[in-house]
PDB file of N, CA and C in Angstrom:
ATOM      1  N   UNK A   1     -76.760   5.059  -9.498  1.00  0.00           N
ATOM      2  CA  UNK A   1     -75.988   4.758 -10.685  1.00  0.00           C
ATOM      3  C   UNK A   1     -75.233   3.448 -10.473  1.00  0.00           C
ATOM      4  N   UNK A   2     -75.124   2.638 -11.516  1.00  0.00           N
ATOM      5  CA  UNK A   2     -74.389   1.375 -11.449  1.00  0.00           C
ATOM      6  C   UNK A   2     -72.898   1.645 -11.346  1.00  0.00           C
ATOM      7  N   UNK A   3     -72.205   0.777 -10.658  1.00  0.00           N
ATOM      8  CA  UNK A   3     -70.776   0.972 -10.455  1.00  0.00           C
ATOM      9  C   UNK A   3     -69.958   0.701 -11.711  1.00  0.00           C
ATOM     10  N   UNK A   4     -70.532   0.052 -12.700  1.00  0.00           N
ATOM     11  CA  UNK A   4     -69.773  -0.220 -13.915  1.00  0.00           C
ATOM     12  C   UNK A   4     -70.025   0.825 -15.013  1.00  0.00           C
ATOM     13  N   UNK A   5     -70.690   1.921 -14.673  1.00  0.00           N
ATOM     14  CA  UNK A   5     -70.910   3.011 -15.620  1.00  0.00           C
ATOM     15  C   UNK A   5     -70.020   4.182 -15.226  1.00  0.00           C
ATOM     16  N   UNK A   6     -69.234   4.650 -16.188  1.00  0.00           N
ATOM     17  CA  UNK A   6     -68.342   5.785 -15.962  1.00  0.00           C
ATOM     18  C   UNK A   6     -68.826   6.932 -16.833  1.00  0.00           C
ATOM     19  N   UNK A   7     -69.002   8.112 -16.219  1.00  0.00           N
ATOM     20  CA  UNK A   7     -69.594   9.267 -16.898  1.00  0.00           C
ATOM     21  C   UNK A   7     -68.595  10.419 -16.921  1.00  0.00           C
ATOM     22  N   UNK A   8     -68.524  11.092 -18.067  1.00  0.00           N
ATOM     23  CA  UNK A   8     -67.669  12.267 -18.236  1.00  0.00           C
ATOM     24  C   UNK A   8     -68.516  13.440 -18.705  1.00  0.00           C
ATOM     25  N   UNK A   9     -68.137  14.633 -18.290  1.00  0.00           N
ATOM     26  CA  UNK A   9     -68.851  15.833 -18.728  1.00  0.00           C
ATOM     27  C   UNK A   9     -68.093  16.558 -19.831  1.00  0.00           C
ATOM     28  N   UNK A  10     -67.036  15.922 -20.333  1.00  0.00           N
ATOM     29  CA  UNK A  10     -66.190  16.550 -21.342  1.00  0.00           C
ATOM     30  C   UNK A  10     -65.728  15.484 -22.328  1.00  0.00           C
ATOM     31  N   UNK A  11     -65.853  15.764 -23.621  1.00  0.00           N
ATOM     32  CA  UNK A  11     -65.493  14.767 -24.629  1.00  0.00           C
ATOM     33  C   UNK A  11     -63.998  14.481 -24.648  1.00  0.00           C
ATOM     34  N   UNK A  12     -63.167  15.455 -24.306  1.00  0.00           N
ATOM     35  CA  UNK A  12     -61.716  15.233 -24.278  1.00  0.00           C
ATOM     36  C   UNK A  12     -61.348  14.256 -23.160  1.00  0.00           C
ATOM     37  N   UNK A  13     -62.006  14.385 -22.021  1.00  0.00           N
ATOM     38  CA  UNK A  13     -61.764  13.445 -20.922  1.00  0.00           C
ATOM     39  C   UNK A  13     -62.237  12.053 -21.301  1.00  0.00           C
ATOM     40  N   UNK A  14     -63.375  11.961 -21.963  1.00  0.00           N
ATOM     41  CA  UNK A  14     -63.893  10.665 -22.400  1.00  0.00           C
ATOM     42  C   UNK A  14     -62.946  10.025 -23.406  1.00  0.00           C
ATOM     43  N   UNK A  15     -62.432  10.805 -24.340  1.00  0.00           N
ATOM     44  CA  UNK A  15     -61.468  10.289 -25.324  1.00  0.00           C
ATOM     45  C   UNK A  15     -60.193   9.814 -24.632  1.00  0.00           C
ATOM     46  N   UNK A  16     -59.743  10.564 -23.642  1.00  0.00           N
ATOM     47  CA  UNK A  16     -58.551  10.171 -22.886  1.00  0.00           C
ATOM     48  C   UNK A  16     -58.769   8.873 -22.127  1.00  0.00           C
ATOM     49  N   UNK A  17     -59.976   8.691 -21.607  1.00  0.00           N
ATOM     50  CA  UNK A  17     -60.314   7.452 -20.914  1.00  0.00           C
ATOM     51  C   UNK A  17     -60.231   6.266 -21.868  1.00  0.00           C
ATOM     52  N   UNK A  18     -60.792   6.419 -23.057  1.00  0.00           N
ATOM     53  CA  UNK A  18     -60.755   5.343 -24.058  1.00  0.00           C
ATOM     54  C   UNK A  18     -59.311   5.023 -24.431  1.00  0.00           C
ATOM     55  N   UNK A  19     -58.496   6.046 -24.633  1.00  0.00           N
ATOM     56  CA  UNK A  19     -57.080   5.828 -24.950  1.00  0.00           C
ATOM     57  C   UNK A  19     -56.372   5.102 -23.808  1.00  0.00           C
ATOM     58  N   UNK A  20     -56.700   5.473 -22.578  1.00  0.00           N
ATOM     59  CA  UNK A  20     -56.100   4.826 -21.412  1.00  0.00           C
ATOM     60  C   UNK A  20     -56.486   3.363 -21.302  1.00  0.00           C
ATOM     61  N   UNK A  21     -57.736   3.056 -21.585  1.00  0.00           N
ATOM     62  CA  UNK A  21     -58.186   1.669 -21.545  1.00  0.00           C
ATOM     63  C   UNK A  21     -57.480   0.857 -22.633  1.00  0.00           C
ATOM     64  N   UNK A  22     -57.301   1.430 -23.811  1.00  0.00           N
ATOM     65  CA  UNK A  22     -56.557   0.738 -24.875  1.00  0.00           C
ATOM     66  C   UNK A  22     -55.137   0.421 -24.416  1.00  0.00           C
ATOM     67  N   UNK A  23     -54.507   1.367 -23.736  1.00  0.00           N
ATOM     68  CA  UNK A  23     -53.149   1.181 -23.217  1.00  0.00           C
ATOM     69  C   UNK A  23     -53.118   0.061 -22.178  1.00  0.00           C
ATOM     70  N   UNK A  24     -54.051   0.077 -21.255  1.00  0.00           N
ATOM     71  CA  UNK A  24     -54.112  -0.946 -20.203  1.00  0.00           C
ATOM     72  C   UNK A  24     -54.394  -2.320 -20.802  1.00  0.00           C
ATOM     73  N   UNK A  25     -55.240  -2.377 -21.815  1.00  0.00           N
ATOM     74  CA  UNK A  25     -55.569  -3.663 -22.442  1.00  0.00           C
ATOM     75  C   UNK A  25     -54.342  -4.335 -23.035  1.00  0.00           C
ATOM     76  N   UNK A  26     -53.365  -3.557 -23.495  1.00  0.00           N
ATOM     77  CA  UNK A  26     -52.132  -4.145 -24.023  1.00  0.00           C
ATOM     78  C   UNK A  26     -51.398  -4.925 -22.934  1.00  0.00           C
ATOM     79  N   UNK A  27     -51.446  -4.439 -21.709  1.00  0.00           N
ATOM     80  CA  UNK A  27     -50.799  -5.130 -20.597  1.00  0.00           C
ATOM     81  C   UNK A  27     -51.615  -6.308 -20.080  1.00  0.00           C
ATOM     82  N   UNK A  28     -52.913  -6.249 -20.268  1.00  0.00           N
ATOM     83  CA  UNK A  28     -53.772  -7.346 -19.817  1.00  0.00           C
ATOM     84  C   UNK A  28     -53.768  -8.532 -20.781  1.00  0.00           C
ATOM     85  N   UNK A  29     -53.285  -8.327 -22.013  1.00  0.00           N
ATOM     86  CA  UNK A  29     -53.287  -9.398 -23.022  1.00  0.00           C
ATOM     87  C   UNK A  29     -52.587 -10.646 -22.519  1.00  0.00           C
ATOM     88  N   UNK A  30     -51.459 -10.488 -21.824  1.00  0.00           N
ATOM     89  CA  UNK A  30     -50.697 -11.658 -21.376  1.00  0.00           C
ATOM     90  C   UNK A  30     -51.484 -12.487 -20.362  1.00  0.00           C
ATOM     91  N   UNK A  31     -52.469 -11.894 -19.724  1.00  0.00           N
ATOM     92  CA  UNK A  31     -53.337 -12.617 -18.788  1.00  0.00           C
ATOM     93  C   UNK A  31     -54.663 -13.015 -19.424  1.00  0.00           C
ATOM     94  N   UNK A  32     -54.766 -12.807 -20.735  1.00  0.00           N
ATOM     95  CA  UNK A  32     -55.965 -13.122 -21.510  1.00  0.00           C
ATOM     96  C   UNK A  32     -57.203 -12.418 -20.967  1.00  0.00           C
ATOM     97  N   UNK A  33     -57.025 -11.180 -20.545  1.00  0.00           N
ATOM     98  CA  UNK A  33     -58.117 -10.336 -20.067  1.00  0.00           C
ATOM     99  C   UNK A  33     -58.143  -9.049 -20.857  1.00  0.00           C
ATOM    100  N   UNK A  34     -59.277  -8.379 -20.824  1.00  0.00           N
ATOM    101  CA  UNK A  34     -59.355  -7.035 -21.391  1.00  0.00           C
ATOM    102  C   UNK A  34     -60.528  -6.290 -20.768  1.00  0.00           C
ATOM    103  N   UNK A  35     -60.417  -4.986 -20.794  1.00  0.00           N
ATOM    104  CA  UNK A  35     -61.508  -4.128 -20.347  1.00  0.00           C
ATOM    105  C   UNK A  35     -62.342  -3.814 -21.570  1.00  0.00           C
ATOM    106  N   UNK A  36     -63.602  -4.152 -21.505  1.00  0.00           N
ATOM    107  CA  UNK A  36     -64.516  -3.919 -22.625  1.00  0.00           C
ATOM    108  C   UNK A  36     -65.333  -2.666 -22.324  1.00  0.00           C
ATOM    109  N   UNK A  37     -65.409  -1.781 -23.289  1.00  0.00           N
ATOM    110  CA  UNK A  37     -66.184  -0.553 -23.157  1.00  0.00           C
ATOM    111  C   UNK A  37     -67.353  -0.565 -24.127  1.00  0.00           C
ATOM    112  N   UNK A  38     -68.466  -0.075 -23.658  1.00  0.00           N
ATOM    113  CA  UNK A  38     -69.629   0.114 -24.530  1.00  0.00           C
ATOM    114  C   UNK A  38     -70.147   1.527 -24.296  1.00  0.00           C
ATOM    115  N   UNK A  39     -70.079   2.359 -25.329  1.00  0.00           N
ATOM    116  CA  UNK A  39     -70.567   3.730 -25.226  1.00  0.00           C
ATOM    117  C   UNK A  39     -72.086   3.711 -25.105  1.00  0.00           C
ATOM    118  N   UNK A  40     -72.617   4.494 -24.182  1.00  0.00           N
ATOM    119  CA  UNK A  40     -74.065   4.554 -23.977  1.00  0.00           C
ATOM    120  C   UNK A  40     -74.610   5.763 -24.729  1.00  0.00           C
ATOM    121  N   UNK A  41     -75.339   5.489 -25.795  1.00  0.00           N
ATOM    122  CA  UNK A  41     -75.923   6.557 -26.614  1.00  0.00           C
ATOM    123  C   UNK A  41     -76.992   7.316 -25.835  1.00  0.00           C
ATOM    124  N   UNK A  42     -77.105   8.593 -26.096  1.00  0.00           N
ATOM    125  CA  UNK A  42     -78.168   9.444 -25.544  1.00  0.00           C
ATOM    126  C   UNK A  42     -78.217   9.439 -24.010  1.00  0.00           C
ATOM    127  N   UNK A  43     -77.062   9.291 -23.376  1.00  0.00           N
ATOM    128  CA  UNK A  43     -76.998   9.325 -21.918  1.00  0.00           C
ATOM    129  C   UNK A  43     -76.982  10.774 -21.462  1.00  0.00           C
ATOM    130  N   UNK A  44     -77.869  11.128 -20.555  1.00  0.00           N
ATOM    131  CA  UNK A  44     -77.917  12.489 -20.031  1.00  0.00           C
ATOM    132  C   UNK A  44     -78.133  12.410 -18.525  1.00  0.00           C
ATOM    133  N   UNK A  45     -77.284  13.115 -17.786  1.00  0.00           N
ATOM    134  CA  UNK A  45     -77.454  13.213 -16.338  1.00  0.00           C
ATOM    135  C   UNK A  45     -76.794  14.506 -15.875  1.00  0.00           C
ATOM    136  N   UNK A  46     -76.925  14.809 -14.614  1.00  0.00           N
ATOM    137  CA  UNK A  46     -76.268  15.989 -14.058  1.00  0.00           C
ATOM    138  C   UNK A  46     -74.752  15.836 -14.042  1.00  0.00           C
ATOM    139  N   UNK A  47     -74.273  14.595 -14.089  1.00  0.00           N
ATOM    140  CA  UNK A  47     -72.838  14.321 -14.043  1.00  0.00           C
ATOM    141  C   UNK A  47     -72.163  14.492 -15.395  1.00  0.00           C
ATOM    142  N   UNK A  48     -72.895  14.314 -16.482  1.00  0.00           N
ATOM    143  CA  UNK A  48     -72.316  14.423 -17.813  1.00  0.00           C
ATOM    144  C   UNK A  48     -73.134  13.677 -18.830  1.00  0.00           C
ATOM    145  N   UNK A  49     -72.657  13.722 -20.070  1.00  0.00           N
ATOM    146  CA  UNK A  49     -73.393  13.074 -21.151  1.00  0.00           C
ATOM    147  C   UNK A  49     -72.569  12.049 -21.916  1.00  0.00           C
ATOM    148  N   UNK A  50     -71.311  11.848 -21.530  1.00  0.00           N
ATOM    149  CA  UNK A  50     -70.452  10.861 -22.183  1.00  0.00           C
ATOM    150  C   UNK A  50     -70.277   9.707 -21.213  1.00  0.00           C
ATOM    151  N   UNK A  51     -70.969   8.602 -21.465  1.00  0.00           N
ATOM    152  CA  UNK A  51     -70.979   7.494 -20.516  1.00  0.00           C
ATOM    153  C   UNK A  51     -70.557   6.195 -21.191  1.00  0.00           C
ATOM    154  N   UNK A  52     -69.832   5.394 -20.430  1.00  0.00           N
ATOM    155  CA  UNK A  52     -69.387   4.085 -20.888  1.00  0.00           C
ATOM    156  C   UNK A  52     -69.758   3.049 -19.850  1.00  0.00           C
ATOM    157  N   UNK A  53     -70.243   1.928 -20.320  1.00  0.00           N
ATOM    158  CA  UNK A  53     -70.454   0.759 -19.478  1.00  0.00           C
ATOM    159  C   UNK A  53     -69.172  -0.065 -19.597  1.00  0.00           C
ATOM    160  N   UNK A  54     -68.584  -0.440 -18.474  1.00  0.00           N
ATOM    161  CA  UNK A  54     -67.317  -1.157 -18.482  1.00  0.00           C
ATOM    162  C   UNK A  54     -67.483  -2.554 -17.913  1.00  0.00           C
ATOM    163  N   UNK A  55     -66.682  -3.461 -18.422  1.00  0.00           N
ATOM    164  CA  UNK A  55     -66.639  -4.814 -17.875  1.00  0.00           C
ATOM    165  C   UNK A  55     -65.276  -5.416 -18.192  1.00  0.00           C
ATOM    166  N   UNK A  56     -64.878  -6.369 -17.384  1.00  0.00           N
ATOM    167  CA  UNK A  56     -63.637  -7.095 -17.614  1.00  0.00           C
ATOM    168  C   UNK A  56     -64.022  -8.469 -18.134  1.00  0.00           C
ATOM    169  N   UNK A  57     -63.468  -8.819 -19.288  1.00  0.00           N
ATOM    170  CA  UNK A  57     -63.844 -10.071 -19.950  1.00  0.00           C
ATOM    171  C   UNK A  57     -62.589 -10.833 -20.358  1.00  0.00           C
ATOM    172  N   UNK A  58     -62.778 -12.123 -20.669  1.00  0.00           N
ATOM    173  CA  UNK A  58     -61.691 -12.913 -21.223  1.00  0.00           C
ATOM    174  C   UNK A  58     -61.392 -12.410 -22.625  1.00  0.00           C
ATOM    175  N   UNK A  59     -60.134 -12.290 -22.951  1.00  0.00           N
ATOM    176  CA  UNK A  59     -59.729 -11.734 -24.242  1.00  0.00           C
ATOM    177  C   UNK A  59     -60.000 -12.670 -25.405  1.00  0.00           C
ATOM    178  N   UNK A  60     -60.211 -13.945 -25.133  1.00  0.00           N
ATOM    179  CA  UNK A  60     -60.408 -14.891 -26.231  1.00  0.00           C
ATOM    180  C   UNK A  60     -61.866 -15.042 -26.643  1.00  0.00           C
ATOM    181  N   UNK A  61     -62.774 -14.288 -26.022  1.00  0.00           N
ATOM    182  CA  UNK A  61     -64.175 -14.352 -26.410  1.00  0.00           C
ATOM    183  C   UNK A  61     -64.395 -13.583 -27.714  1.00  0.00           C
ATOM    184  N   UNK A  62     -65.159 -14.136 -28.647  1.00  0.00           N
ATOM    185  CA  UNK A  62     -65.418 -13.408 -29.887  1.00  0.00           C
ATOM    186  C   UNK A  62     -66.309 -12.194 -29.644  1.00  0.00           C
ATOM    187  N   UNK A  63     -66.071 -11.152 -30.417  1.00  0.00           N
ATOM    188  CA  UNK A  63     -66.879  -9.942 -30.340  1.00  0.00           C
ATOM    189  C   UNK A  63     -67.756  -9.843 -31.571  1.00  0.00           C
ATOM    190  N   UNK A  64     -68.737  -8.967 -31.512  1.00  0.00           N
ATOM    191  CA  UNK A  64     -69.631  -8.761 -32.643  1.00  0.00           C
ATOM    192  C   UNK A  64     -68.797  -8.430 -33.883  1.00  0.00           C
ATOM    193  N   UNK A  65     -69.048  -9.127 -34.946  1.00  0.00           N
ATOM    194  CA  UNK A  65     -68.289  -8.938 -36.172  1.00  0.00           C
ATOM    195  C   UNK A  65     -67.160  -9.942 -36.335  1.00  0.00           C
ATOM    196  N   UNK A  66     -66.765 -10.621 -35.248  1.00  0.00           N
ATOM    197  CA  UNK A  66     -65.711 -11.632 -35.315  1.00  0.00           C
ATOM    198  C   UNK A  66     -66.283 -12.948 -35.825  1.00  0.00           C
ATOM    199  N   UNK A  67     -65.431 -13.751 -36.437  1.00  0.00           N
ATOM    200  CA  UNK A  67     -65.826 -15.073 -36.858  1.00  0.00           C
ATOM    201  C   UNK A  67     -66.143 -15.904 -35.616  1.00  0.00           C
ATOM    202  N   UNK A  68     -67.260 -16.583 -35.613  1.00  0.00           N
ATOM    203  CA  UNK A  68     -67.658 -17.399 -34.473  1.00  0.00           C
ATOM    204  C   UNK A  68     -68.559 -16.683 -33.489  1.00  0.00           C
ATOM    205  N   UNK A  69     -68.834 -15.405 -33.732  1.00  0.00           N
ATOM    206  CA  UNK A  69     -69.720 -14.655 -32.850  1.00  0.00           C
ATOM    207  C   UNK A  69     -71.160 -15.062 -33.107  1.00  0.00           C
ATOM    208  N   UNK A  70     -71.890 -15.347 -32.049  1.00  0.00           N
ATOM    209  CA  UNK A  70     -73.309 -15.663 -32.170  1.00  0.00           C
ATOM    210  C   UNK A  70     -74.095 -14.668 -31.358  1.00  0.00           C
ATOM    211  N   UNK A  71     -75.122 -14.079 -31.934  1.00  0.00           N
ATOM    212  CA  UNK A  71     -75.915 -13.084 -31.203  1.00  0.00           C
ATOM    213  C   UNK A  71     -77.038 -13.689 -30.433  1.00  0.00           C
TER     214      UNK A  71
END
């Protein structure tokens, strides 16, 4: 398994993780950083089925749907 994939076997734990990342991102704003999460659809393993790919990115990069985003 890749080190940037976090897996949960419970949706409440996964929701808590997302809430925690939102909280941490507020503190990272002053350093122009953020933790980016991408939910992995249809993920199934012995460890769980709620998986997120995580990365740390510059906060000033445009995201999908933002003005200036190019795919």
